[in-house]
Amino acid sequence: MIVRVEHLTGRMHMKQHRCQQKTEHIAFMTFKTLTTQRPAYLFDLLCFRTTPRLLRSSDHRLLHDVGAKTVFGSRAFCHAAPSIWNSLPPYLTDDFNPVFYPLLNVVSKVTSIINLFYPSRVTFFRACDSFLLS
């Protein structure tokens, strides 16, 4: 059986595309949950990170990441949402931008194009690899 490189890269590209779609979906769900406080069961899982002293990152709206001990636990919303939200650029998350979803699409597409040419330089959706590819 002959396996061509095009088939392998096509499968790899489809996995990356599915992963990117899942990441965008979770980021958008997190945005909607934080802005509308609905559904309540998801809003209860999210809380903003607080620090005992003033840090440079204190003015950013970062979520508290509970942390996961297993791979299965890392797929839970209470871990996935803060990981993805905190990996977004600050101009998307700081002001609860009303054009969040179109900006998220543009940023993710530009990131995927840059990642195609410079794979070691882009870490925008770094959280995606750890828990969404399986």
N, C-alpha and C. Protein backbone atom coordinates (compact mmCIF):
# COMPACT_ATOMS: atom_id res chain seq x y z
N MET A 1 0.84 -1.18 0.00
CA MET A 1 0.00 0.00 0.00
C MET A 1 0.89 1.24 0.00
N ILE A 2 0.60 2.15 -0.89
CA ILE A 2 1.37 3.37 -1.00
C ILE A 2 0.64 4.49 -0.27
N VAL A 3 1.33 5.13 0.65
CA VAL A 3 0.76 6.25 1.38
C VAL A 3 1.47 7.51 0.90
N ARG A 4 0.71 8.42 0.39
CA ARG A 4 1.29 9.64 -0.14
C ARG A 4 1.33 10.72 0.95
N VAL A 5 2.29 11.59 0.81
CA VAL A 5 2.46 12.66 1.77
C VAL A 5 1.25 13.59 1.76
N GLU A 6 0.64 13.78 0.60
CA GLU A 6 -0.51 14.67 0.50
C GLU A 6 -1.66 14.18 1.39
N HIS A 7 -1.83 12.85 1.45
CA HIS A 7 -2.90 12.31 2.28
C HIS A 7 -2.61 12.57 3.75
N LEU A 8 -1.38 12.38 4.15
CA LEU A 8 -1.02 12.59 5.55
C LEU A 8 -1.14 14.06 5.94
N THR A 9 -0.66 14.95 5.10
CA THR A 9 -0.75 16.38 5.42
C THR A 9 -2.20 16.85 5.38
N GLY A 10 -3.00 16.27 4.51
CA GLY A 10 -4.42 16.61 4.47
C GLY A 10 -5.11 16.22 5.75
N ARG A 11 -4.81 15.03 6.26
CA ARG A 11 -5.39 14.58 7.53
C ARG A 11 -4.93 15.46 8.68
N MET A 12 -3.64 15.81 8.65
CA MET A 12 -3.11 16.66 9.70
C MET A 12 -3.77 18.03 9.66
N HIS A 13 -3.96 18.55 8.45
CA HIS A 13 -4.61 19.86 8.30
C HIS A 13 -6.04 19.80 8.80
N MET A 14 -6.76 18.71 8.51
CA MET A 14 -8.14 18.59 8.97
C MET A 14 -8.20 18.51 10.49
N LYS A 15 -7.25 17.81 11.12
CA LYS A 15 -7.21 17.75 12.58
C LYS A 15 -6.98 19.13 13.17
N GLN A 16 -6.05 19.89 12.57
CA GLN A 16 -5.78 21.24 13.05
C GLN A 16 -7.00 22.13 12.85
N HIS A 17 -7.70 21.95 11.74
CA HIS A 17 -8.90 22.75 11.47
C HIS A 17 -10.00 22.44 12.48
N ARG A 18 -10.22 21.15 12.76
CA ARG A 18 -11.22 20.77 13.75
C ARG A 18 -10.86 21.31 15.13
N CYS A 19 -9.58 21.23 15.47
CA CYS A 19 -9.11 21.72 16.75
C CYS A 19 -9.32 23.22 16.85
N GLN A 20 -9.05 23.94 15.78
CA GLN A 20 -9.22 25.38 15.76
C GLN A 20 -10.70 25.74 15.89
N GLN A 21 -11.58 24.98 15.25
CA GLN A 21 -13.02 25.23 15.36
C GLN A 21 -13.50 25.01 16.79
N LYS A 22 -13.02 23.93 17.44
CA LYS A 22 -13.40 23.67 18.82
C LYS A 22 -12.91 24.78 19.74
N THR A 23 -11.69 25.25 19.49
CA THR A 23 -11.12 26.30 20.30
C THR A 23 -11.91 27.58 20.14
N GLU A 24 -12.27 27.94 18.91
CA GLU A 24 -13.08 29.13 18.66
C GLU A 24 -14.44 29.01 19.33
N HIS A 25 -15.02 27.82 19.26
CA HIS A 25 -16.34 27.60 19.86
C HIS A 25 -16.28 27.77 21.38
N ILE A 26 -15.26 27.21 22.02
CA ILE A 26 -15.13 27.34 23.48
C ILE A 26 -14.84 28.78 23.86
N ALA A 27 -14.01 29.49 23.07
CA ALA A 27 -13.72 30.90 23.35
C ALA A 27 -15.00 31.73 23.23
N PHE A 28 -15.82 31.46 22.22
CA PHE A 28 -17.06 32.21 22.05
C PHE A 28 -18.06 31.88 23.15
N MET A 29 -18.16 30.60 23.54
CA MET A 29 -19.04 30.22 24.65
C MET A 29 -18.61 30.91 25.94
N THR A 30 -17.30 30.99 26.16
CA THR A 30 -16.78 31.65 27.36
C THR A 30 -17.14 33.13 27.33
N PHE A 31 -16.97 33.77 26.18
CA PHE A 31 -17.32 35.19 26.03
C PHE A 31 -18.79 35.42 26.32
N LYS A 32 -19.66 34.61 25.72
CA LYS A 32 -21.10 34.77 25.92
C LYS A 32 -21.48 34.51 27.38
N THR A 33 -20.85 33.53 28.00
CA THR A 33 -21.15 33.21 29.39
C THR A 33 -20.72 34.36 30.30
N LEU A 34 -19.56 34.95 30.04
CA LEU A 34 -19.08 36.05 30.89
C LEU A 34 -19.89 37.33 30.69
N THR A 35 -20.36 37.59 29.49
CA THR A 35 -21.08 38.84 29.24
C THR A 35 -22.55 38.75 29.64
N THR A 36 -23.18 37.61 29.46
CA THR A 36 -24.61 37.48 29.77
C THR A 36 -24.89 36.79 31.09
N GLN A 37 -23.89 36.16 31.66
CA GLN A 37 -24.01 35.36 32.89
C GLN A 37 -25.05 34.25 32.74
N ARG A 38 -25.20 33.79 31.51
CA ARG A 38 -26.09 32.68 31.20
C ARG A 38 -25.34 31.67 30.37
N PRO A 39 -25.52 30.43 30.47
CA PRO A 39 -26.26 29.68 31.47
C PRO A 39 -25.55 29.72 32.82
N ALA A 40 -26.32 29.69 33.85
CA ALA A 40 -25.80 29.87 35.22
C ALA A 40 -24.83 28.75 35.60
N TYR A 41 -25.09 27.53 35.13
CA TYR A 41 -24.23 26.42 35.50
C TYR A 41 -22.83 26.56 34.90
N LEU A 42 -22.69 27.23 33.75
CA LEU A 42 -21.36 27.50 33.20
C LEU A 42 -20.74 28.73 33.85
N PHE A 43 -21.55 29.75 34.14
CA PHE A 43 -21.04 30.96 34.76
C PHE A 43 -20.47 30.66 36.15
N ASP A 44 -21.06 29.70 36.85
CA ASP A 44 -20.56 29.32 38.18
C ASP A 44 -19.18 28.67 38.11
N LEU A 45 -18.82 28.11 36.97
CA LEU A 45 -17.51 27.46 36.82
C LEU A 45 -16.39 28.44 36.53
N LEU A 46 -16.74 29.67 36.13
CA LEU A 46 -15.73 30.66 35.74
C LEU A 46 -15.57 31.72 36.82
N CYS A 47 -14.34 32.06 37.13
CA CYS A 47 -14.08 33.18 38.03
C CYS A 47 -12.78 33.85 37.59
N PHE A 48 -12.73 35.16 37.79
CA PHE A 48 -11.55 35.91 37.37
C PHE A 48 -10.41 35.70 38.36
N ARG A 49 -9.21 35.73 37.83
CA ARG A 49 -8.01 35.55 38.64
C ARG A 49 -7.78 36.79 39.49
N THR A 50 -7.56 36.58 40.77
CA THR A 50 -7.22 37.69 41.68
C THR A 50 -5.85 37.41 42.26
N THR A 51 -5.09 38.47 42.45
CA THR A 51 -3.74 38.34 43.01
C THR A 51 -3.66 39.16 44.29
N PRO A 52 -2.88 38.73 45.25
CA PRO A 52 -2.78 39.48 46.51
C PRO A 52 -2.05 40.82 46.37
N ARG A 53 -1.26 40.95 45.34
CA ARG A 53 -0.55 42.22 45.12
C ARG A 53 -0.77 42.69 43.69
N LEU A 54 -0.41 43.92 43.43
CA LEU A 54 -0.62 44.51 42.12
C LEU A 54 0.45 44.02 41.14
N LEU A 55 0.00 43.43 40.04
CA LEU A 55 0.90 42.93 39.00
C LEU A 55 0.55 43.62 37.68
N ARG A 56 1.48 43.52 36.72
CA ARG A 56 1.18 44.09 35.40
C ARG A 56 0.01 43.40 34.73
N SER A 57 -0.15 42.12 35.01
CA SER A 57 -1.25 41.37 34.39
C SER A 57 -2.56 41.55 35.15
N SER A 58 -2.56 42.33 36.23
CA SER A 58 -3.79 42.50 37.02
C SER A 58 -4.87 43.26 36.26
N ASP A 59 -4.48 44.11 35.32
CA ASP A 59 -5.49 44.87 34.58
C ASP A 59 -6.10 44.07 33.43
N HIS A 60 -5.57 42.88 33.15
CA HIS A 60 -6.16 42.02 32.13
C HIS A 60 -7.22 41.14 32.79
N ARG A 61 -8.23 40.80 32.02
CA ARG A 61 -9.31 39.96 32.55
C ARG A 61 -8.96 38.49 32.32
N LEU A 62 -8.11 37.97 33.17
CA LEU A 62 -7.71 36.57 33.08
C LEU A 62 -8.60 35.74 33.99
N LEU A 63 -8.88 34.53 33.55
CA LEU A 63 -9.70 33.62 34.34
C LEU A 63 -8.82 32.72 35.19
N HIS A 64 -9.34 32.34 36.33
CA HIS A 64 -8.62 31.43 37.22
C HIS A 64 -8.72 30.01 36.66
N ASP A 65 -7.57 29.39 36.45
CA ASP A 65 -7.52 28.03 35.92
C ASP A 65 -7.37 27.06 37.08
N VAL A 66 -8.35 26.18 37.22
CA VAL A 66 -8.36 25.25 38.33
C VAL A 66 -7.21 24.25 38.21
N GLY A 67 -6.86 23.90 36.99
CA GLY A 67 -5.81 22.89 36.79
C GLY A 67 -6.43 21.50 36.75
N ALA A 68 -5.82 20.64 36.02
CA ALA A 68 -6.34 19.28 35.88
C ALA A 68 -5.22 18.29 36.15
N LYS A 69 -5.59 17.20 36.78
CA LYS A 69 -4.59 16.18 37.10
C LYS A 69 -4.53 15.09 36.03
N THR A 70 -5.58 14.97 35.24
CA THR A 70 -5.61 13.93 34.21
C THR A 70 -5.95 14.55 32.86
N VAL A 71 -5.72 13.80 31.79
CA VAL A 71 -6.07 14.27 30.45
C VAL A 71 -7.58 14.39 30.33
N PHE A 72 -8.29 13.46 30.92
CA PHE A 72 -9.76 13.50 30.88
C PHE A 72 -10.27 14.76 31.58
N GLY A 73 -9.68 15.10 32.71
CA GLY A 73 -10.08 16.30 33.44
C GLY A 73 -9.73 17.58 32.72
N SER A 74 -8.69 17.54 31.89
CA SER A 74 -8.28 18.75 31.16
C SER A 74 -9.27 19.10 30.05
N ARG A 75 -10.17 18.19 29.72
CA ARG A 75 -11.17 18.46 28.69
C ARG A 75 -12.43 19.09 29.25
N ALA A 76 -12.51 19.20 30.57
CA ALA A 76 -13.69 19.79 31.21
C ALA A 76 -13.75 21.29 30.94
N PHE A 77 -14.96 21.82 30.93
CA PHE A 77 -15.14 23.24 30.62
C PHE A 77 -14.43 24.13 31.64
N CYS A 78 -14.43 23.71 32.91
CA CYS A 78 -13.82 24.54 33.95
C CYS A 78 -12.31 24.67 33.78
N HIS A 79 -11.69 23.79 33.01
CA HIS A 79 -10.26 23.90 32.70
C HIS A 79 -10.04 24.42 31.28
N ALA A 80 -10.83 23.95 30.34
CA ALA A 80 -10.63 24.34 28.94
C ALA A 80 -10.93 25.81 28.70
N ALA A 81 -12.01 26.31 29.27
CA ALA A 81 -12.39 27.71 29.04
C ALA A 81 -11.34 28.70 29.55
N PRO A 82 -10.85 28.57 30.80
CA PRO A 82 -9.81 29.51 31.23
C PRO A 82 -8.51 29.38 30.44
N SER A 83 -8.14 28.17 30.06
CA SER A 83 -6.91 27.98 29.29
C SER A 83 -6.98 28.69 27.94
N ILE A 84 -8.09 28.53 27.26
CA ILE A 84 -8.26 29.16 25.95
C ILE A 84 -8.44 30.67 26.11
N TRP A 85 -9.24 31.10 27.09
CA TRP A 85 -9.48 32.53 27.30
C TRP A 85 -8.18 33.26 27.63
N ASN A 86 -7.36 32.67 28.48
CA ASN A 86 -6.10 33.31 28.87
C ASN A 86 -5.07 33.31 27.74
N SER A 87 -5.24 32.45 26.75
CA SER A 87 -4.30 32.42 25.63
C SER A 87 -4.67 33.42 24.53
N LEU A 88 -5.86 34.04 24.64
CA LEU A 88 -6.27 35.04 23.66
C LEU A 88 -5.51 36.34 23.88
N PRO A 89 -5.34 37.13 22.82
CA PRO A 89 -4.67 38.43 22.98
C PRO A 89 -5.49 39.36 23.87
N PRO A 90 -4.84 40.23 24.63
CA PRO A 90 -5.56 41.10 25.58
C PRO A 90 -6.58 42.03 24.92
N TYR A 91 -6.35 42.46 23.68
CA TYR A 91 -7.31 43.37 23.05
C TYR A 91 -8.64 42.69 22.76
N LEU A 92 -8.68 41.37 22.78
CA LEU A 92 -9.96 40.66 22.62
C LEU A 92 -10.69 40.51 23.94
N THR A 93 -9.95 40.34 25.03
CA THR A 93 -10.57 39.97 26.30
C THR A 93 -10.73 41.11 27.28
N ASP A 94 -10.00 42.21 27.11
CA ASP A 94 -10.01 43.25 28.14
C ASP A 94 -11.33 44.00 28.25
N ASP A 95 -11.89 44.42 27.16
CA ASP A 95 -13.06 45.30 27.20
C ASP A 95 -14.37 44.59 26.88
N PHE A 96 -14.37 43.28 26.78
CA PHE A 96 -15.54 42.53 26.32
C PHE A 96 -16.03 43.14 25.01
N ASN A 97 -15.16 43.12 24.06
CA ASN A 97 -15.37 43.74 22.76
C ASN A 97 -16.66 43.24 22.11
N PRO A 98 -17.55 44.13 21.64
CA PRO A 98 -18.80 43.69 21.02
C PRO A 98 -18.60 42.98 19.68
N VAL A 99 -17.46 43.18 19.05
CA VAL A 99 -17.18 42.46 17.80
C VAL A 99 -16.20 41.33 18.07
N PHE A 100 -16.40 40.65 19.19
CA PHE A 100 -15.48 39.60 19.63
C PHE A 100 -15.39 38.47 18.62
N TYR A 101 -16.51 37.95 18.17
CA TYR A 101 -16.48 36.77 17.30
C TYR A 101 -15.84 37.05 15.95
N PRO A 102 -16.16 38.15 15.25
CA PRO A 102 -15.44 38.43 14.00
C PRO A 102 -13.94 38.63 14.22
N LEU A 103 -13.57 39.32 15.29
CA LEU A 103 -12.15 39.50 15.58
C LEU A 103 -11.47 38.16 15.88
N LEU A 104 -12.18 37.29 16.60
CA LEU A 104 -11.62 35.98 16.91
C LEU A 104 -11.38 35.19 15.64
N ASN A 105 -12.30 35.26 14.69
CA ASN A 105 -12.12 34.57 13.41
C ASN A 105 -10.92 35.09 12.66
N VAL A 106 -10.77 36.41 12.60
CA VAL A 106 -9.64 37.01 11.88
C VAL A 106 -8.33 36.62 12.54
N VAL A 107 -8.26 36.73 13.87
CA VAL A 107 -7.02 36.41 14.59
C VAL A 107 -6.66 34.94 14.41
N SER A 108 -7.65 34.05 14.48
CA SER A 108 -7.34 32.62 14.34
C SER A 108 -6.90 32.27 12.93
N LYS A 109 -7.49 32.92 11.91
CA LYS A 109 -7.07 32.64 10.54
C LYS A 109 -5.66 33.17 10.28
N VAL A 110 -5.37 34.37 10.75
CA VAL A 110 -4.01 34.91 10.59
C VAL A 110 -3.01 34.05 11.34
N THR A 111 -3.38 33.60 12.53
CA THR A 111 -2.50 32.74 13.32
C THR A 111 -2.22 31.43 12.60
N SER A 112 -3.26 30.84 12.00
CA SER A 112 -3.05 29.57 11.30
C SER A 112 -2.16 29.76 10.07
N ILE A 113 -2.30 30.90 9.39
CA ILE A 113 -1.43 31.15 8.22
C ILE A 113 0.01 31.35 8.66
N ILE A 114 0.22 32.12 9.72
CA ILE A 114 1.58 32.33 10.23
C ILE A 114 2.16 31.01 10.73
N ASN A 115 1.32 30.22 11.39
CA ASN A 115 1.77 28.93 11.92
C ASN A 115 2.17 27.99 10.80
N LEU A 116 1.58 28.14 9.63
CA LEU A 116 1.93 27.32 8.49
C LEU A 116 3.37 27.55 8.05
N PHE A 117 3.79 28.83 8.08
CA PHE A 117 5.13 29.18 7.62
C PHE A 117 6.16 29.19 8.74
N TYR A 118 5.73 29.56 9.95
CA TYR A 118 6.65 29.63 11.09
C TYR A 118 6.04 28.86 12.26
N PRO A 119 6.12 27.54 12.25
CA PRO A 119 5.41 26.75 13.26
C PRO A 119 5.90 26.97 14.69
N SER A 120 7.15 27.36 14.87
CA SER A 120 7.65 27.53 16.23
C SER A 120 7.38 28.92 16.80
N ARG A 121 6.89 29.84 15.99
CA ARG A 121 6.73 31.23 16.43
C ARG A 121 5.37 31.56 17.03
N VAL A 122 4.35 30.81 16.67
CA VAL A 122 3.00 31.18 17.07
C VAL A 122 2.54 30.30 18.21
N THR A 123 2.09 30.92 19.30
CA THR A 123 1.58 30.18 20.44
C THR A 123 0.19 30.62 20.82
N PHE A 124 -0.56 31.21 19.87
CA PHE A 124 -1.87 31.77 20.17
C PHE A 124 -2.85 30.69 20.65
N PHE A 125 -2.95 29.60 19.93
CA PHE A 125 -3.85 28.52 20.34
C PHE A 125 -3.06 27.36 20.92
N ARG A 126 -2.11 27.65 21.77
CA ARG A 126 -1.28 26.60 22.33
C ARG A 126 -2.07 25.66 23.24
N ALA A 127 -3.13 26.16 23.83
CA ALA A 127 -3.93 25.33 24.71
C ALA A 127 -4.65 24.24 23.94
N CYS A 128 -4.85 24.44 22.66
CA CYS A 128 -5.60 23.50 21.84
C CYS A 128 -4.92 22.14 21.77
N ASP A 129 -3.61 22.12 21.64
CA ASP A 129 -2.90 20.86 21.45
C ASP A 129 -3.04 19.92 22.63
N SER A 130 -3.15 20.45 23.83
CA SER A 130 -3.10 19.60 25.00
C SER A 130 -4.38 18.80 25.23
N PHE A 131 -5.55 19.36 24.88
CA PHE A 131 -6.75 18.64 25.26
C PHE A 131 -7.82 18.51 24.18
N LEU A 132 -7.66 19.14 23.03
CA LEU A 132 -8.72 19.08 22.04
C LEU A 132 -8.42 18.17 20.85
N LEU A 133 -7.19 17.74 20.67
CA LEU A 133 -6.86 16.93 19.49
C LEU A 133 -7.32 15.49 19.61
N SER A 134 -7.58 15.02 20.77
CA SER A 134 -7.93 13.60 20.90
C SER A 134 -9.35 13.32 20.50
